Protein backbone atom coordinates (compact mmCIF):
# COMPACT_ATOMS: atom_id res chain seq x y z
CA MET A 1 0.00 0.00 0.00
CA ARG A 2 1.42 3.38 -1.02
CA THR A 3 1.83 6.25 1.41
CA PRO A 4 -0.03 9.55 0.85
CA VAL A 5 3.18 11.13 -0.49
CA ALA A 6 3.61 8.28 -2.97
CA ARG A 7 -0.01 8.54 -4.11
CA ARG A 8 0.32 12.30 -4.66
CA ALA A 9 3.48 11.76 -6.68
CA LEU A 10 2.13 9.01 -8.92
CA PHE A 11 -0.21 10.79 -11.29
CA ASP A 12 0.01 11.27 -15.03
CA LEU A 13 3.02 9.01 -15.55
CA GLY A 14 4.05 8.65 -19.16
CA CYS A 15 4.88 12.24 -20.14
CA ARG A 16 8.19 13.05 -21.76
CA LEU A 17 9.73 15.68 -19.54
CA LYS A 18 12.55 18.19 -19.63
CA ILE A 19 13.60 19.02 -16.09
CA ALA A 20 16.12 21.72 -15.23
CA THR A 21 17.79 23.23 -12.20
CA PHE A 22 19.17 26.76 -12.06
CA ASN A 23 20.76 28.64 -9.18
CA ILE A 24 19.45 32.03 -10.27
CA ASN A 25 21.36 34.05 -7.61
CA ASN A 26 18.63 36.67 -7.01
CA ILE A 27 15.49 36.03 -9.01
CA ASN A 28 14.30 39.62 -9.25
CA LYS A 29 17.70 40.93 -10.27
CA ARG A 30 18.07 38.21 -12.96
CA LEU A 31 14.42 38.01 -13.99
CA PRO A 32 14.94 39.11 -17.63
CA ASN A 33 17.66 36.46 -18.04
CA LEU A 34 15.44 33.83 -16.44
CA LEU A 35 12.49 34.64 -18.68
CA ALA A 36 14.64 34.59 -21.81
CA TRP A 37 16.09 31.21 -20.83
CA LEU A 38 12.65 29.74 -20.07
CA LYS A 39 11.36 30.91 -23.45
CA ARG A 40 14.36 29.48 -25.29
CA SER A 41 14.91 26.24 -23.40
CA LYS A 42 11.26 25.44 -22.55
CA PRO A 43 11.81 23.15 -19.56
CA ASP A 44 8.62 21.44 -18.40
CA ILE A 45 9.85 21.73 -14.82
CA ALA A 46 12.47 24.15 -13.53
CA CYS A 47 13.90 24.17 -10.03
CA LEU A 48 15.42 27.45 -8.84
CA GLN A 49 17.75 28.22 -5.95
CA GLU A 50 19.11 31.32 -4.22
CA LEU A 51 15.99 33.36 -4.86
CA LYS A 52 17.26 35.99 -2.40
CA CYS A 53 13.81 37.48 -1.93
CA GLU A 54 11.12 37.34 0.71
CA THR A 55 8.17 35.07 0.01
CA ASN A 56 5.83 37.95 -0.87
CA ALA A 57 8.38 39.43 -3.32
CA PHE A 58 8.49 36.37 -5.58
CA PRO A 59 7.51 37.31 -9.19
CA GLU A 60 4.61 34.87 -9.41
CA SER A 61 2.47 36.85 -11.87
CA THR A 62 5.37 37.48 -14.25
CA LEU A 63 6.19 33.79 -14.35
CA ALA A 64 2.50 32.94 -14.81
CA ASN A 65 2.41 35.25 -17.84
CA ALA A 66 5.37 33.28 -19.17
CA GLY A 67 3.35 30.06 -18.81
CA TYR A 68 4.67 28.70 -15.52
CA SER A 69 2.91 27.83 -12.28
CA ALA A 70 5.16 28.11 -9.26
CA VAL A 71 5.61 27.10 -5.65
CA TRP A 72 8.37 28.64 -3.56
CA GLU A 73 9.90 29.37 -0.19
CA GLY A 74 11.57 32.76 0.14
CA GLN A 75 13.95 34.29 2.65
CA LYS A 76 15.07 37.91 2.84
CA SER A 77 18.47 38.45 1.20
CA TRP A 78 19.47 34.79 1.39
CA ASN A 79 18.63 31.28 0.22
CA GLY A 80 15.17 30.60 -1.25
CA VAL A 81 13.97 27.77 -3.49
CA ALA A 82 11.21 27.36 -6.08
CA ILE A 83 9.69 24.85 -8.48
CA LEU A 84 8.15 26.01 -11.78
CA SER A 85 5.88 23.93 -14.02
CA ARG A 86 4.58 24.57 -17.54
CA ASP A 87 1.65 22.14 -17.41
CA ALA A 88 0.21 20.52 -14.27
CA PRO A 89 0.53 22.86 -11.28
CA PRO A 90 2.90 21.60 -8.57
CA VAL A 91 1.29 19.97 -5.54
CA VAL A 92 3.46 20.85 -2.54
CA THR A 93 4.38 17.93 -0.29
CA ARG A 94 7.08 19.61 1.82
CA ARG A 95 8.37 23.14 2.38
CA ALA A 96 11.35 22.18 4.52
CA LEU A 97 13.75 19.31 4.92
CA PRO A 98 12.60 17.13 7.83
CA GLY A 99 14.76 16.35 10.82
CA ASP A 100 15.38 19.71 12.49
CA PRO A 101 12.35 21.86 13.44
CA ASP A 102 14.68 24.70 14.47
CA ASP A 103 16.17 25.05 10.99
CA HIS A 104 14.30 27.89 9.28
CA GLN A 105 16.60 28.46 6.32
CA ALA A 106 14.73 28.26 3.00
CA ARG A 107 16.69 25.47 1.37
CA TYR A 108 14.19 22.77 0.39
CA ILE A 109 10.81 22.53 -1.32
CA GLU A 110 9.17 19.39 -2.70
CA ALA A 111 6.16 18.90 -4.95
CA ALA A 112 4.36 16.22 -6.95
CA ILE A 113 4.16 17.07 -10.62
CA SER A 114 3.78 15.16 -13.88
CA GLY A 115 3.96 11.79 -12.19
CA ILE A 116 7.08 12.32 -10.12
CA LEU A 117 8.18 13.93 -6.89
CA VAL A 118 10.45 16.90 -7.57
CA ALA A 119 12.58 18.64 -4.97
CA SER A 120 14.44 21.92 -5.37
CA ILE A 121 17.49 21.90 -3.11
CA TYR A 122 19.96 24.53 -1.99
CA MET A 123 22.46 22.76 0.24
CA PRO A 124 24.61 24.82 2.60
CA ASN A 125 27.92 26.14 1.29
CA GLY A 126 29.81 25.30 4.47
CA ASN A 127 32.52 27.96 4.35
CA PRO A 128 34.59 28.75 6.23
CA GLN A 129 35.68 25.32 7.28
CA PRO A 130 36.22 23.98 9.82
CA GLY A 131 33.58 25.71 11.87
CA PRO A 132 29.85 25.88 12.61
CA LYS A 133 28.87 26.56 8.99
CA PHE A 134 30.69 23.43 7.87
CA ASP A 135 29.11 21.43 10.68
CA TYR A 136 25.70 22.68 9.54
CA LYS A 137 26.49 21.59 5.98
CA LEU A 138 27.31 18.04 7.08
CA SER A 139 24.29 17.88 9.39
CA TRP A 140 22.03 19.07 6.56
CA MET A 141 23.46 16.47 4.18
CA ALA A 142 22.88 13.74 6.78
CA ARG A 143 19.24 14.82 7.17
CA PHE A 144 18.87 14.88 3.40
CA ALA A 145 20.27 11.34 3.13
CA ARG A 146 17.74 10.09 5.69
CA HIS A 147 14.86 11.74 3.84
CA ALA A 148 16.08 10.34 0.52
CA ALA A 149 16.25 6.85 2.03
CA ALA A 150 12.68 7.18 3.33
CA LEU A 151 11.39 8.11 -0.12
CA LYS A 152 13.36 5.26 -1.67
CA ARG A 153 11.69 2.80 0.70
CA GLN A 154 8.29 4.13 -0.39
CA GLY A 155 9.09 3.48 -4.04
CA VAL A 156 8.42 7.09 -5.04
CA PRO A 157 9.84 8.25 -8.41
CA VAL A 158 11.99 11.23 -7.41
CA VAL A 159 14.18 13.96 -8.91
CA PHE A 160 16.38 15.78 -6.39
CA ALA A 161 17.43 18.87 -8.35
CA GLY A 162 19.51 21.74 -7.13
CA ASP A 163 22.74 23.32 -6.02
CA TYR A 164 24.38 20.74 -3.77
CA ASN A 165 27.47 22.89 -3.10
CA VAL A 166 29.60 19.80 -3.66
CA ALA A 167 32.03 19.11 -6.49
CA PRO A 168 31.84 15.31 -6.18
CA THR A 169 35.26 14.37 -7.63
CA GLU A 170 38.39 15.95 -9.08
CA ALA A 171 36.76 15.60 -12.51
CA ASP A 172 34.16 18.14 -11.34
CA ILE A 173 36.58 21.02 -10.82
CA TYR A 174 39.17 22.53 -13.13
CA PRO A 175 42.75 21.42 -12.41
CA THR A 176 43.87 23.63 -9.54
CA LYS A 177 45.06 23.64 -5.94
CA SER A 178 43.50 26.99 -5.11
CA TRP A 179 40.26 25.43 -3.84
CA LYS A 180 41.84 22.74 -1.68
CA LYS A 181 40.66 24.32 1.62
CA ASP A 182 37.17 25.15 0.36
CA ALA A 183 34.15 23.36 1.82
CA LEU A 184 32.93 22.44 -1.68
CA VAL A 185 35.74 19.90 -2.21
CA GLN A 186 36.37 18.51 1.27
CA PRO A 187 36.40 14.72 1.78
CA ALA A 188 33.38 14.63 4.13
CA PRO A 189 30.80 16.26 1.80
CA ARG A 190 32.23 14.36 -1.15
CA GLU A 191 31.78 11.12 0.76
CA ALA A 192 28.21 12.09 1.70
CA PHE A 193 27.45 12.65 -1.99
CA ALA A 194 29.16 9.41 -3.00
CA LYS A 195 27.12 7.53 -0.41
CA LEU A 196 23.91 8.78 -2.04
CA ILE A 197 25.13 7.29 -5.32
CA ARG A 198 26.07 4.00 -3.66
CA ASN A 199 22.59 3.88 -2.13
CA GLY A 200 21.01 3.88 -5.56
CA TRP A 201 20.54 7.54 -6.54
CA ILE A 202 21.66 8.26 -10.09
CA ASP A 203 23.85 11.26 -10.90
CA SER A 204 22.07 11.98 -14.19
CA ILE A 205 24.56 14.45 -15.68
CA ARG A 206 27.54 12.22 -14.95
CA SER A 207 25.58 9.21 -16.19
CA THR A 208 24.85 10.85 -19.55
CA ASN A 209 28.30 12.45 -19.85
CA PRO A 210 30.62 9.89 -18.24
CA ASP A 211 33.94 11.11 -19.62
CA LYS A 212 33.46 14.87 -19.95
CA ARG A 213 34.59 17.66 -17.70
CA ILE A 214 31.32 19.51 -17.16
CA TYR A 215 30.99 22.61 -15.03
CA THR A 216 27.89 24.45 -13.81
CA PHE A 217 29.43 27.26 -11.75
CA TRP A 218 32.13 29.83 -12.43
CA THR A 219 33.03 32.54 -9.92
CA TYR A 220 32.78 36.17 -11.02
CA TRP A 221 36.41 36.88 -10.24
CA ARG A 222 39.60 36.49 -12.32
CA ASP A 223 37.85 35.67 -15.63
CA ARG A 224 37.02 32.19 -14.40
CA TYR A 225 34.14 31.78 -16.86
CA GLU A 226 36.17 33.00 -19.82
CA GLN A 227 38.93 30.51 -18.96
CA ASP A 228 36.38 27.75 -18.23
CA HIS A 229 37.73 27.38 -14.71
CA GLY A 230 34.53 26.00 -13.22
CA LEU A 231 33.04 23.49 -10.83
CA ARG A 232 30.12 21.08 -11.16
CA LEU A 233 27.96 21.93 -8.15
CA ASP A 234 24.44 21.60 -9.58
CA HIS A 235 23.04 18.08 -9.80
CA LEU A 236 19.89 16.17 -10.67
CA LEU A 237 19.78 12.90 -8.75
CA LEU A 238 17.20 10.36 -9.93
CA SER A 239 15.55 7.41 -8.25
CA GLU A 240 16.40 4.12 -9.96
CA GLN A 241 13.05 3.75 -11.71
CA LEU A 242 13.38 7.20 -13.28
CA SER A 243 16.94 6.51 -14.41
CA ARG A 244 15.53 3.99 -16.89
CA ARG A 245 13.72 6.91 -18.59
CA LEU A 246 16.81 9.12 -18.78
CA LEU A 247 17.60 10.15 -22.37
CA LYS A 248 20.17 12.92 -22.13
CA GLY A 249 21.40 15.78 -20.02
CA GLY A 250 23.55 18.86 -20.29
CA VAL A 251 24.38 22.40 -19.21
CA ASP A 252 23.23 25.61 -20.90
CA ARG A 253 26.70 27.03 -20.41
CA ARG A 254 26.33 30.18 -22.48
CA ILE A 255 23.69 31.55 -20.09
CA ARG A 256 26.55 32.18 -17.66
CA GLY A 257 28.19 34.49 -20.20
CA LEU A 258 25.26 36.88 -20.58
CA GLU A 259 25.17 40.36 -19.09
CA ASN A 260 23.95 40.37 -15.47
CA ALA A 261 24.26 36.56 -15.36
CA SER A 262 24.07 34.31 -12.34
CA ASP A 263 27.37 32.66 -11.48
CA HIS A 264 25.66 29.31 -12.23
CA ALA A 265 24.34 27.95 -15.53
CA PRO A 266 21.11 25.95 -15.95
CA VAL A 267 21.45 22.17 -15.92
CA TRP A 268 18.84 19.95 -17.59
CA ILE A 269 17.81 16.40 -18.35
CA GLU A 270 15.18 14.79 -20.55
CA LEU A 271 13.11 11.79 -19.48
CA SER A 272 11.31 9.59 -21.98
CA ASP A 273 7.90 8.00 -21.64
């Protein structure tokens, strides 16, 4: 017998879907870029992170005029996550990651849409490390792993899409030693990510591009984008049943090169019927 969450997630299976994740780094500041990308790329579902706006400042009507329903959790000046949908409106199942009722940072939202459960995730950065921010990062990742395991036991088809703030391996960062003390590349978060993969979650971009150096983030400083000195921090993890529908995936890299761009580029996958 399926749980209520599983029943909410399992409607309208069979659609071919394009699902994307994009750390927008201030949705109102980058709104023209976001709208242009949505019009060009036409994702069926788009997960956004780092909205950097309060809940009541989210541009819901503008996105509706562009053809997208939305659910979101905002936070003044920081964090913030959203899920956009072109067709069936998202049905919210969670607005926070379970496991710590005292954690009020807007980093997780989850909704049933088009036959699957979709989560938009903004994991903690963790810098400086060591320290309380790094401890929070590891604690958050442990809570996330427990929630992912619970959904796996329920047999729910899931996409965990977002900015994980982890470059999983040395292939996910340009050859350098300048990041060696950064929280994004430390052994503990890398091991937490690797454990998710060992537990059956599919790294869709690595799966569809096994031998390529692919980056999703380039800092604003020192011409890092122009030199392609990037990191792969944005991931779409799939449950095993959805991985059988995975057709292709990639990064809309050139979006990072536009005027007033986010420091991340959109990442996308396509699922077959």
